[in-house]
Amino acid sequence: MNRNDSIYQYWERMAQQHGTECRATIPDHYLKILELESIYKHLSDNVKILDAGCGNGYSALQIKKRFRCEITAVDFSETMIKTAKSEQALLGIDDGLRFDLQDILSLGEPDEYYDIAITERSIINLESWEKQRLAIREIWRVLRPNGLYIMAEAFEEPLANLNKVRESLGLSPIQTKWHNIYLSEVRVREYVQDMFDILTVDNYSSTYYLLTRAVSPKIGEIEGRATTYTDPINQVAAQLPKTGDFGPQKIIVFKKTSDSDSSTALFGKGIKAQYPYGMQL
């Protein structure tokens, strides 16, 4: 089994084990809440949204409950999409939400169609920077001019900052999971400069990570106990103002430039990248 197949099987198992829970795509419930709250700030009614790498549809369903919008949510995992459709039917959400089995690197969506595109830890599941670039380019293709790309991904630089704090406390560094390749914010900025303008960077998880991945485990070490995602400090940390750049998970909001070349000029009509993955951590 190659790495691509292993990633696919991993997410199939997560879908089977956790069903409609947010744990199917992220084990930390409080972190998920922070992520969604950050995303909500950039959404509005009467827009067309693409959720690329939607997992079990948890985020798309939460967004649909809050905004009168049209959402297309796609993922490569059959079980994730089946779970999302089942939950959609159970909730009776019929209009303005479509779940579809698709490849984030070869989206079956028309050029310049969406007002907003969202990826939540989808790009980091691609197995090379080359494929990550292609995914970003494909997101760019389906966005209308001046459309927004909400990149909710994980980044190398804040992880390095966090690990420096952990080192100062005598803790071992946090390693990225085997199925992830974290993005470099510097490299992303360089790559997208001809496609997008950067509107804002939200280090929404910084305080949370500092307290739950450095302070809390150090206290746990002193007290001789293991820490968990449901510890009281996690709940408290999620309520505190963000500060610094210690959270690997952050949101960068891009605006597609109105004067960038058309996707047809760059790719040729109907020519798209042929790679298989778009999923969540």
Protein backbone atom coordinates (compact mmCIF):
# COMPACT_ATOMS: atom_id res chain seq x y z
CA MET A 1 0.00 0.00 0.00
CA ASN A 2 1.49 3.36 -1.02
CA ARG A 3 1.22 6.57 0.98
CA ASN A 4 -1.76 7.82 -1.03
CA ASP A 5 -3.73 4.67 -0.30
CA SER A 6 -2.70 4.79 3.36
CA ILE A 7 -4.04 8.34 3.71
CA TYR A 8 -7.31 7.35 2.10
CA GLN A 9 -7.72 4.33 4.37
CA TYR A 10 -6.90 6.44 7.42
CA TRP A 11 -9.75 8.86 6.71
CA GLU A 12 -12.11 6.04 5.89
CA ARG A 13 -11.38 4.62 9.36
CA MET A 14 -11.92 8.00 10.99
CA ALA A 15 -15.31 8.29 9.28
CA GLN A 16 -16.30 4.80 10.39
CA GLN A 17 -15.15 5.32 13.98
CA HIS A 18 -16.54 8.79 14.63
CA GLY A 19 -19.49 9.18 12.28
CA THR A 20 -20.96 12.70 12.40
CA GLU A 21 -18.79 13.93 15.30
CA CYS A 22 -16.17 16.60 14.68
CA ARG A 23 -13.63 14.05 15.96
CA ALA A 24 -13.81 12.40 12.55
CA THR A 25 -11.60 15.21 11.27
CA ILE A 26 -10.12 16.86 14.39
CA PRO A 27 -9.77 15.34 17.87
CA ASP A 28 -9.87 18.64 19.79
CA HIS A 29 -13.45 19.93 20.14
CA TYR A 30 -12.47 23.32 21.59
CA LEU A 31 -9.99 23.91 18.78
CA LYS A 32 -12.71 23.13 16.27
CA ILE A 33 -14.99 25.72 17.87
CA LEU A 34 -12.26 28.35 17.62
CA GLU A 35 -11.66 27.46 13.98
CA LEU A 36 -15.32 27.78 13.04
CA GLU A 37 -15.74 31.05 14.91
CA SER A 38 -12.82 32.47 12.96
CA ILE A 39 -14.33 31.28 9.67
CA TYR A 40 -17.78 32.70 10.46
CA LYS A 41 -16.34 36.22 10.60
CA HIS A 42 -15.72 36.13 6.85
CA LEU A 43 -19.06 34.65 5.75
CA SER A 44 -22.39 36.24 4.92
CA ASP A 45 -25.78 35.43 3.45
CA ASN A 46 -26.44 35.09 -0.28
CA VAL A 47 -23.04 33.76 -1.30
CA LYS A 48 -21.87 30.60 -3.05
CA ILE A 49 -19.38 28.67 -0.95
CA LEU A 50 -17.09 25.76 -1.80
CA ASP A 51 -15.94 23.61 1.13
CA ALA A 52 -13.04 21.69 -0.38
CA GLY A 53 -12.12 18.68 1.75
CA CYS A 54 -15.30 18.76 3.81
CA GLY A 55 -14.79 15.47 5.65
CA ASN A 56 -18.04 14.33 7.28
CA GLY A 57 -19.69 17.66 6.54
CA TYR A 58 -19.54 18.95 10.11
CA SER A 59 -18.43 22.47 9.16
CA ALA A 60 -20.68 22.78 6.11
CA LEU A 61 -23.71 21.84 8.19
CA GLN A 62 -22.79 24.32 10.92
CA ILE A 63 -22.33 27.08 8.35
CA LYS A 64 -25.63 26.26 6.69
CA LYS A 65 -27.44 26.58 10.03
CA ARG A 66 -26.10 30.13 10.43
CA PHE A 67 -26.12 31.61 6.94
CA ARG A 68 -28.57 31.70 4.04
CA CYS A 69 -26.01 30.61 1.49
CA GLU A 70 -25.38 27.99 -1.17
CA ILE A 71 -22.71 25.43 -0.24
CA THR A 72 -21.02 22.75 -2.30
CA ALA A 73 -18.98 20.49 0.00
CA VAL A 74 -16.62 17.95 -1.56
CA ASP A 75 -14.32 15.22 -0.30
CA PHE A 76 -12.49 12.19 -1.65
CA SER A 77 -13.59 9.81 1.12
CA GLU A 78 -16.71 7.85 0.20
CA THR A 79 -17.58 7.12 3.81
CA MET A 80 -17.17 10.76 4.82
CA ILE A 81 -19.54 11.88 2.05
CA LYS A 82 -22.08 9.16 2.87
CA THR A 83 -22.00 10.24 6.51
CA ALA A 84 -22.48 13.89 5.53
CA LYS A 85 -25.45 13.10 3.31
CA SER A 86 -27.07 11.00 6.02
CA GLU A 87 -26.74 13.80 8.56
CA GLN A 88 -28.07 16.31 6.05
CA ALA A 89 -31.17 14.15 5.52
CA LEU A 90 -31.61 13.67 9.27
CA LEU A 91 -31.49 17.44 9.83
CA GLY A 92 -33.88 18.06 6.94
CA ILE A 93 -31.57 20.51 5.16
CA ASP A 94 -32.67 20.13 1.56
CA ASP A 95 -31.92 23.38 -0.23
CA GLY A 96 -28.60 25.09 -0.81
CA LEU A 97 -26.29 22.31 0.37
CA ARG A 98 -24.74 19.64 -1.85
CA PHE A 99 -22.23 16.98 -0.80
CA ASP A 100 -20.22 15.45 -3.59
CA LEU A 101 -17.38 12.95 -4.00
CA GLN A 102 -14.59 14.91 -5.69
CA ASP A 103 -10.83 15.33 -5.91
CA ILE A 104 -9.58 18.67 -4.59
CA LEU A 105 -6.95 18.67 -7.33
CA SER A 106 -9.42 18.14 -10.12
CA LEU A 107 -12.63 19.81 -9.05
CA GLY A 108 -15.67 19.27 -11.22
CA GLU A 109 -16.73 22.86 -10.73
CA PRO A 110 -16.88 25.66 -13.33
CA ASP A 111 -14.35 28.46 -13.56
CA GLU A 112 -15.00 31.59 -11.49
CA TYR A 113 -18.20 30.23 -9.93
CA TYR A 114 -17.80 30.62 -6.15
CA ASP A 115 -17.77 33.71 -3.97
CA ILE A 116 -15.91 31.93 -1.17
CA ALA A 117 -13.77 28.80 -0.96
CA ILE A 118 -12.76 27.16 2.31
CA THR A 119 -10.17 24.52 3.11
CA GLU A 120 -9.89 23.26 6.68
CA ARG A 121 -6.70 21.27 7.05
CA SER A 122 -7.20 19.81 3.58
CA ILE A 123 -4.10 21.10 1.83
CA ILE A 124 -1.81 19.71 4.54
CA ASN A 125 -3.00 16.19 3.70
CA LEU A 126 -1.49 16.36 0.23
CA GLU A 127 1.81 14.53 0.10
CA SER A 128 4.04 17.16 -1.53
CA TRP A 129 4.39 20.90 -1.96
CA GLU A 130 3.89 20.37 -5.68
CA LYS A 131 0.42 18.93 -5.07
CA GLN A 132 -0.34 21.55 -2.46
CA ARG A 133 0.41 24.24 -5.03
CA LEU A 134 -1.86 22.56 -7.54
CA ALA A 135 -4.67 22.44 -5.00
CA ILE A 136 -4.30 26.15 -4.27
CA ARG A 137 -4.32 26.86 -7.98
CA GLU A 138 -7.48 24.81 -8.41
CA ILE A 139 -9.16 26.75 -5.59
CA TRP A 140 -8.13 29.94 -7.37
CA ARG A 141 -9.63 28.68 -10.63
CA VAL A 142 -13.14 28.20 -9.26
CA LEU A 143 -13.27 31.53 -7.43
CA ARG A 144 -14.77 34.58 -9.10
CA PRO A 145 -12.63 37.73 -9.29
CA ASN A 146 -12.45 39.32 -5.82
CA GLY A 147 -13.70 36.05 -4.33
CA LEU A 148 -12.34 34.95 -0.94
CA TYR A 149 -10.23 31.93 -0.14
CA ILE A 150 -10.35 31.11 3.58
CA MET A 151 -7.27 28.97 4.10
CA ALA A 152 -7.68 27.27 7.50
CA GLU A 153 -4.55 25.16 7.49
CA ALA A 154 -1.56 24.26 9.69
CA PHE A 155 1.80 26.00 9.30
CA GLU A 156 5.44 25.25 10.08
CA GLU A 157 6.47 28.60 11.54
CA PRO A 158 4.11 28.75 14.54
CA LEU A 159 4.80 25.08 15.28
CA ALA A 160 8.50 25.96 15.50
CA ASN A 161 7.65 28.84 17.85
CA LEU A 162 5.58 26.53 20.03
CA ASN A 163 8.30 23.92 20.15
CA LYS A 164 10.80 26.54 21.35
CA VAL A 165 8.52 27.21 24.30
CA ARG A 166 8.17 23.49 24.96
CA GLU A 167 11.95 23.11 24.81
CA SER A 168 12.35 25.89 27.39
CA LEU A 169 10.05 23.87 29.67
CA GLY A 170 11.97 20.65 29.10
CA LEU A 171 9.27 19.13 26.91
CA SER A 172 9.92 17.21 23.69
CA PRO A 173 8.91 18.86 20.40
CA ILE A 174 5.52 18.20 18.84
CA GLN A 175 5.91 16.28 15.58
CA THR A 176 3.56 16.55 12.62
CA LYS A 177 1.42 13.49 12.03
CA TRP A 178 2.49 11.04 9.37
CA HIS A 179 -0.30 12.02 6.98
CA ASN A 180 0.36 15.78 7.17
CA ILE A 181 2.80 18.16 5.52
CA TYR A 182 2.45 21.55 7.18
CA LEU A 183 2.59 24.60 4.97
CA SER A 184 5.24 27.29 5.17
CA GLU A 185 3.50 30.64 5.44
CA VAL A 186 6.47 32.31 3.74
CA ARG A 187 6.34 29.89 0.82
CA VAL A 188 2.56 30.22 0.47
CA ARG A 189 2.78 33.99 0.39
CA GLU A 190 5.41 33.85 -2.33
CA TYR A 191 3.44 31.36 -4.39
CA VAL A 192 0.09 33.17 -4.37
CA GLN A 193 1.33 36.72 -4.92
CA ASP A 194 0.16 36.77 -8.55
CA MET A 195 -3.20 35.15 -7.74
CA PHE A 196 -4.36 36.61 -4.44
CA ASP A 197 -4.09 39.58 -2.16
CA ILE A 198 -3.87 38.80 1.56
CA LEU A 199 -6.71 40.42 3.52
CA THR A 200 -5.97 39.13 7.00
CA VAL A 201 -4.10 36.53 9.03
CA ASP A 202 -5.90 35.19 12.09
CA ASN A 203 -3.71 33.42 14.65
CA TYR A 204 -6.88 32.23 16.34
CA SER A 205 -5.30 29.17 17.98
CA SER A 206 -2.14 30.80 19.36
CA THR A 207 -3.15 31.32 23.00
CA TYR A 208 -4.99 28.02 23.00
CA TYR A 209 -1.95 26.08 21.81
CA LEU A 210 0.40 27.88 24.17
CA LEU A 211 -1.69 26.91 27.19
CA THR A 212 -2.85 23.44 26.13
CA ARG A 213 0.30 22.18 24.40
CA ALA A 214 2.96 23.78 26.59
CA VAL A 215 1.68 24.97 29.98
CA SER A 216 -0.84 22.16 30.54
CA PRO A 217 1.49 19.25 29.69
CA LYS A 218 4.21 20.75 31.89
CA ILE A 219 1.77 20.93 34.80
CA GLY A 220 0.69 17.39 33.99
CA GLU A 221 4.32 16.26 34.08
CA ILE A 222 4.82 17.88 37.48
CA GLU A 223 1.64 16.28 38.83
CA GLY A 224 2.38 12.92 37.22
CA ARG A 225 -0.73 12.75 35.04
CA ALA A 226 -1.57 12.74 31.37
CA THR A 227 -3.40 15.68 29.82
CA THR A 228 -6.46 15.35 27.56
CA TYR A 229 -8.40 17.48 25.09
CA THR A 230 -11.23 17.83 27.64
CA ASP A 231 -9.19 19.19 30.56
CA PRO A 232 -10.62 22.34 32.21
CA ILE A 233 -7.62 24.36 31.03
CA ASN A 234 -8.66 23.66 27.43
CA GLN A 235 -12.08 25.14 28.05
CA VAL A 236 -10.56 28.20 29.70
CA ALA A 237 -7.88 28.63 27.04
CA ALA A 238 -10.53 28.66 24.31
CA GLN A 239 -12.11 31.73 25.94
CA LEU A 240 -8.96 33.84 26.19
CA PRO A 241 -7.86 36.51 23.68
CA LYS A 242 -5.38 35.38 21.08
CA THR A 243 -1.80 36.54 21.40
CA GLY A 244 1.47 35.72 19.65
CA ASP A 245 2.08 33.18 16.91
CA PHE A 246 2.23 29.81 18.68
CA GLY A 247 -0.75 28.04 17.09
CA PRO A 248 0.10 25.90 14.04
CA GLN A 249 -3.51 26.20 12.93
CA LYS A 250 -4.30 29.65 11.61
CA ILE A 251 -6.50 31.24 8.99
CA ILE A 252 -5.25 33.32 6.10
CA VAL A 253 -7.95 35.07 4.09
CA PHE A 254 -7.03 35.72 0.47
CA LYS A 255 -8.90 37.78 -2.11
CA LYS A 256 -8.58 36.71 -5.72
CA THR A 257 -7.13 39.58 -7.68
CA SER A 258 -9.40 40.94 -10.40
CA ASP A 259 -6.49 41.48 -12.78
CA SER A 260 -5.00 37.95 -12.54
CA ASP A 261 -4.91 35.82 -15.68
CA SER A 262 -7.93 33.65 -16.36
CA SER A 263 -7.70 29.95 -15.55
CA THR A 264 -8.29 29.13 -19.18
CA ALA A 265 -5.20 31.06 -20.15
CA LEU A 266 -3.12 29.27 -17.53
CA PHE A 267 -4.45 25.73 -17.89
CA GLY A 268 -6.29 25.53 -21.17
CA LYS A 269 -10.03 24.88 -21.12
CA GLY A 270 -10.90 21.77 -19.17
CA ILE A 271 -7.31 20.84 -18.30
CA LYS A 272 -6.86 20.17 -14.58
CA ALA A 273 -4.38 18.51 -12.26
CA GLN A 274 -4.88 14.79 -11.80
CA TYR A 275 -4.04 13.99 -8.18
CA PRO A 276 -6.22 12.31 -5.63
CA TYR A 277 -6.53 14.00 -2.24
CA GLY A 278 -8.26 16.69 -0.20
CA MET A 279 -8.95 15.89 3.44
CA GLN A 280 -8.71 17.14 6.96
CA LEU A 281 -6.42 16.53 9.86
